[in-house]
Amino acid sequence: MARKKRTSLPQPSKQRFFSFETPNEKWVTDITYLMFSGQKLYNSVMKDLYNNEIVAYQISRRNDLKLVMGTLKKQRKNGMM
């Protein structure tokens, strides 16, 4: 049985530079969990890449769509959408 020739994959860049002209042009989100008094709490955060400002966040006991949509609704309430 012949072995397939191995090809090398491009190495990911360690430094990535993003620049944006105006606020609210590009957002990123992240969800992480925190242990608090023996229970998991999920923190959903939305960040503006223009100035790295946290523009909305929400904490929940469940990591679900409701958590993400709640974060987005908070962003909309702030008038930035």
N, C-alpha and C. Protein backbone atom coordinates (compact mmCIF):
# COMPACT_ATOMS: atom_id res chain seq x y z
N MET A 1 0.84 -1.17 0.00
CA MET A 1 0.00 0.00 0.00
C MET A 1 0.89 1.25 0.00
N ALA A 2 0.67 2.12 -0.94
CA ALA A 2 1.48 3.33 -1.07
C ALA A 2 1.03 4.39 -0.06
N ARG A 3 2.00 5.08 0.48
CA ARG A 3 1.70 6.15 1.42
C ARG A 3 1.46 7.45 0.65
N LYS A 4 0.56 8.24 1.15
CA LYS A 4 0.32 9.55 0.54
C LYS A 4 1.46 10.48 0.90
N LYS A 5 1.82 11.31 -0.05
CA LYS A 5 2.86 12.29 0.20
C LYS A 5 2.34 13.34 1.17
N ARG A 6 3.10 13.62 2.18
CA ARG A 6 2.72 14.60 3.18
C ARG A 6 2.98 16.00 2.66
N THR A 7 2.00 16.85 2.80
CA THR A 7 2.20 18.26 2.42
C THR A 7 2.19 19.09 3.68
N SER A 8 2.98 20.13 3.68
CA SER A 8 3.02 20.98 4.87
C SER A 8 1.96 22.07 4.75
N LEU A 9 1.36 22.36 5.87
CA LEU A 9 0.35 23.41 5.92
C LEU A 9 1.02 24.74 6.26
N PRO A 10 0.48 25.83 5.76
CA PRO A 10 1.06 27.12 6.10
C PRO A 10 0.93 27.38 7.60
N GLN A 11 1.94 27.94 8.18
CA GLN A 11 1.93 28.25 9.60
C GLN A 11 1.10 29.51 9.85
N PRO A 12 0.26 29.49 10.87
CA PRO A 12 -0.54 30.69 11.16
C PRO A 12 0.36 31.83 11.63
N SER A 13 -0.01 33.01 11.24
CA SER A 13 0.74 34.19 11.65
C SER A 13 0.52 34.43 13.14
N LYS A 14 1.57 34.72 13.85
CA LYS A 14 1.44 34.98 15.28
C LYS A 14 0.96 36.41 15.54
N GLN A 15 1.20 37.29 14.59
CA GLN A 15 0.78 38.66 14.75
C GLN A 15 -0.25 38.99 13.68
N ARG A 16 -1.40 39.41 14.13
CA ARG A 16 -2.45 39.84 13.21
C ARG A 16 -2.80 41.27 13.55
N PHE A 17 -2.84 42.11 12.55
CA PHE A 17 -3.14 43.51 12.77
C PHE A 17 -4.45 43.85 12.08
N PHE A 18 -5.37 44.40 12.84
CA PHE A 18 -6.63 44.84 12.30
C PHE A 18 -6.71 46.35 12.49
N SER A 19 -7.16 47.03 11.48
CA SER A 19 -7.40 48.46 11.65
C SER A 19 -8.73 48.80 11.00
N PHE A 20 -9.49 49.63 11.70
CA PHE A 20 -10.79 50.02 11.22
C PHE A 20 -10.91 51.53 11.30
N GLU A 21 -11.64 52.09 10.36
CA GLU A 21 -11.76 53.54 10.21
C GLU A 21 -12.72 54.17 11.21
N THR A 22 -13.79 53.45 11.55
CA THR A 22 -14.83 54.04 12.40
C THR A 22 -15.28 53.04 13.45
N PRO A 23 -15.85 53.56 14.55
CA PRO A 23 -16.42 52.66 15.56
C PRO A 23 -17.58 51.87 14.98
N ASN A 24 -17.86 50.72 15.57
CA ASN A 24 -18.98 49.85 15.20
C ASN A 24 -18.88 49.29 13.79
N GLU A 25 -17.69 49.28 13.24
CA GLU A 25 -17.48 48.69 11.91
C GLU A 25 -17.35 47.18 12.01
N LYS A 26 -16.68 46.70 13.07
CA LYS A 26 -16.46 45.26 13.24
C LYS A 26 -16.46 44.92 14.73
N TRP A 27 -17.31 43.96 15.08
CA TRP A 27 -17.37 43.48 16.46
C TRP A 27 -16.94 42.03 16.51
N VAL A 28 -16.47 41.62 17.65
CA VAL A 28 -16.18 40.22 17.91
C VAL A 28 -16.87 39.85 19.23
N THR A 29 -17.17 38.57 19.38
CA THR A 29 -17.81 38.10 20.60
C THR A 29 -17.02 36.94 21.18
N ASP A 30 -17.21 36.73 22.45
CA ASP A 30 -16.59 35.60 23.12
C ASP A 30 -17.47 35.20 24.30
N ILE A 31 -17.50 33.93 24.57
CA ILE A 31 -18.20 33.42 25.75
C ILE A 31 -17.19 32.62 26.56
N THR A 32 -17.12 32.91 27.83
CA THR A 32 -16.24 32.17 28.72
C THR A 32 -17.01 31.85 29.99
N TYR A 33 -16.55 30.85 30.70
CA TYR A 33 -17.23 30.54 31.96
C TYR A 33 -16.35 30.92 33.14
N LEU A 34 -17.02 31.25 34.22
CA LEU A 34 -16.35 31.62 35.46
C LEU A 34 -16.93 30.77 36.58
N MET A 35 -16.09 30.29 37.47
CA MET A 35 -16.57 29.57 38.64
C MET A 35 -16.80 30.60 39.74
N PHE A 36 -18.03 30.64 40.22
CA PHE A 36 -18.40 31.61 41.24
C PHE A 36 -19.24 30.91 42.30
N SER A 37 -18.75 30.88 43.50
CA SER A 37 -19.44 30.19 44.62
C SER A 37 -19.81 28.75 44.26
N GLY A 38 -18.89 28.07 43.57
CA GLY A 38 -19.09 26.66 43.25
C GLY A 38 -19.99 26.38 42.06
N GLN A 39 -20.43 27.40 41.34
CA GLN A 39 -21.25 27.16 40.16
C GLN A 39 -20.67 27.89 38.95
N LYS A 40 -20.96 27.35 37.77
CA LYS A 40 -20.49 27.95 36.53
C LYS A 40 -21.41 29.09 36.12
N LEU A 41 -20.82 30.22 35.81
CA LEU A 41 -21.55 31.34 35.22
C LEU A 41 -20.89 31.63 33.88
N TYR A 42 -21.70 31.90 32.87
CA TYR A 42 -21.20 32.16 31.53
C TYR A 42 -21.25 33.66 31.25
N ASN A 43 -20.15 34.19 30.75
CA ASN A 43 -20.03 35.61 30.44
C ASN A 43 -19.91 35.77 28.93
N SER A 44 -20.89 36.42 28.33
CA SER A 44 -20.89 36.71 26.90
C SER A 44 -20.48 38.17 26.72
N VAL A 45 -19.44 38.41 25.92
CA VAL A 45 -18.89 39.75 25.76
C VAL A 45 -18.85 40.12 24.29
N MET A 46 -19.17 41.38 23.98
CA MET A 46 -19.07 41.92 22.63
C MET A 46 -18.08 43.08 22.65
N LYS A 47 -17.10 43.04 21.75
CA LYS A 47 -16.02 44.02 21.73
C LYS A 47 -15.94 44.69 20.36
N ASP A 48 -15.74 46.00 20.36
CA ASP A 48 -15.56 46.77 19.13
C ASP A 48 -14.06 46.76 18.79
N LEU A 49 -13.72 46.29 17.59
CA LEU A 49 -12.31 46.20 17.22
C LEU A 49 -11.70 47.56 16.86
N TYR A 50 -12.51 48.58 16.70
CA TYR A 50 -11.98 49.92 16.41
C TYR A 50 -11.09 50.41 17.55
N ASN A 51 -11.59 50.28 18.78
CA ASN A 51 -10.83 50.78 19.94
C ASN A 51 -10.73 49.76 21.07
N ASN A 52 -11.10 48.50 20.78
CA ASN A 52 -11.05 47.40 21.75
C ASN A 52 -11.95 47.63 22.97
N GLU A 53 -12.99 48.43 22.80
CA GLU A 53 -13.93 48.71 23.88
C GLU A 53 -14.95 47.58 24.01
N ILE A 54 -15.24 47.20 25.25
CA ILE A 54 -16.32 46.25 25.51
C ILE A 54 -17.61 47.06 25.39
N VAL A 55 -18.44 46.70 24.42
CA VAL A 55 -19.65 47.49 24.17
C VAL A 55 -20.89 46.84 24.77
N ALA A 56 -20.82 45.57 25.14
CA ALA A 56 -21.95 44.91 25.80
C ALA A 56 -21.45 43.62 26.43
N TYR A 57 -22.12 43.23 27.52
CA TYR A 57 -21.83 41.93 28.12
C TYR A 57 -23.07 41.45 28.86
N GLN A 58 -23.14 40.16 29.07
CA GLN A 58 -24.24 39.57 29.82
C GLN A 58 -23.73 38.31 30.50
N ILE A 59 -24.23 38.08 31.70
CA ILE A 59 -23.85 36.89 32.48
C ILE A 59 -25.09 36.03 32.67
N SER A 60 -24.91 34.71 32.54
CA SER A 60 -26.02 33.78 32.67
C SER A 60 -25.54 32.48 33.29
N ARG A 61 -26.47 31.70 33.81
CA ARG A 61 -26.14 30.37 34.32
C ARG A 61 -26.09 29.34 33.22
N ARG A 62 -26.58 29.70 32.02
CA ARG A 62 -26.61 28.76 30.89
C ARG A 62 -25.91 29.35 29.68
N ASN A 63 -25.19 28.51 28.96
CA ASN A 63 -24.54 28.92 27.72
C ASN A 63 -25.49 28.52 26.58
N ASP A 64 -26.34 29.45 26.17
CA ASP A 64 -27.34 29.14 25.16
C ASP A 64 -27.60 30.36 24.28
N LEU A 65 -28.49 30.20 23.32
CA LEU A 65 -28.82 31.28 22.39
C LEU A 65 -29.39 32.49 23.11
N LYS A 66 -30.13 32.27 24.17
CA LYS A 66 -30.71 33.38 24.94
C LYS A 66 -29.61 34.29 25.49
N LEU A 67 -28.52 33.71 25.92
CA LEU A 67 -27.38 34.49 26.43
C LEU A 67 -26.81 35.38 25.34
N VAL A 68 -26.58 34.81 24.17
CA VAL A 68 -25.99 35.57 23.06
C VAL A 68 -26.95 36.67 22.59
N MET A 69 -28.22 36.32 22.44
CA MET A 69 -29.20 37.31 21.98
C MET A 69 -29.38 38.43 23.01
N GLY A 70 -29.27 38.10 24.29
CA GLY A 70 -29.34 39.11 25.34
C GLY A 70 -28.19 40.10 25.24
N THR A 71 -27.01 39.60 24.91
CA THR A 71 -25.84 40.48 24.72
C THR A 71 -26.07 41.40 23.54
N LEU A 72 -26.57 40.86 22.45
CA LEU A 72 -26.86 41.66 21.26
C LEU A 72 -27.93 42.71 21.55
N LYS A 73 -28.96 42.35 22.31
CA LYS A 73 -30.00 43.32 22.66
C LYS A 73 -29.45 44.46 23.51
N LYS A 74 -28.53 44.15 24.41
CA LYS A 74 -27.90 45.20 25.22
C LYS A 74 -27.12 46.16 24.32
N GLN A 75 -26.45 45.60 23.31
CA GLN A 75 -25.70 46.42 22.36
C GLN A 75 -26.64 47.35 21.62
N ARG A 76 -27.78 46.84 21.21
CA ARG A 76 -28.76 47.65 20.48
C ARG A 76 -29.34 48.74 21.37
N LYS A 77 -29.54 48.44 22.66
CA LYS A 77 -30.04 49.46 23.60
C LYS A 77 -29.05 50.62 23.76
N ASN A 78 -27.77 50.30 23.64
CA ASN A 78 -26.74 51.34 23.76
C ASN A 78 -26.73 52.26 22.54
N GLY A 79 -27.56 51.95 21.53
CA GLY A 79 -27.67 52.81 20.37
C GLY A 79 -26.52 52.73 19.40
N MET A 80 -25.79 51.63 19.42
CA MET A 80 -24.62 51.52 18.57
C MET A 80 -24.84 50.64 17.37
N MET A 81 -26.06 50.28 17.12
CA MET A 81 -26.32 49.38 15.99
C MET A 81 -27.21 50.04 14.98
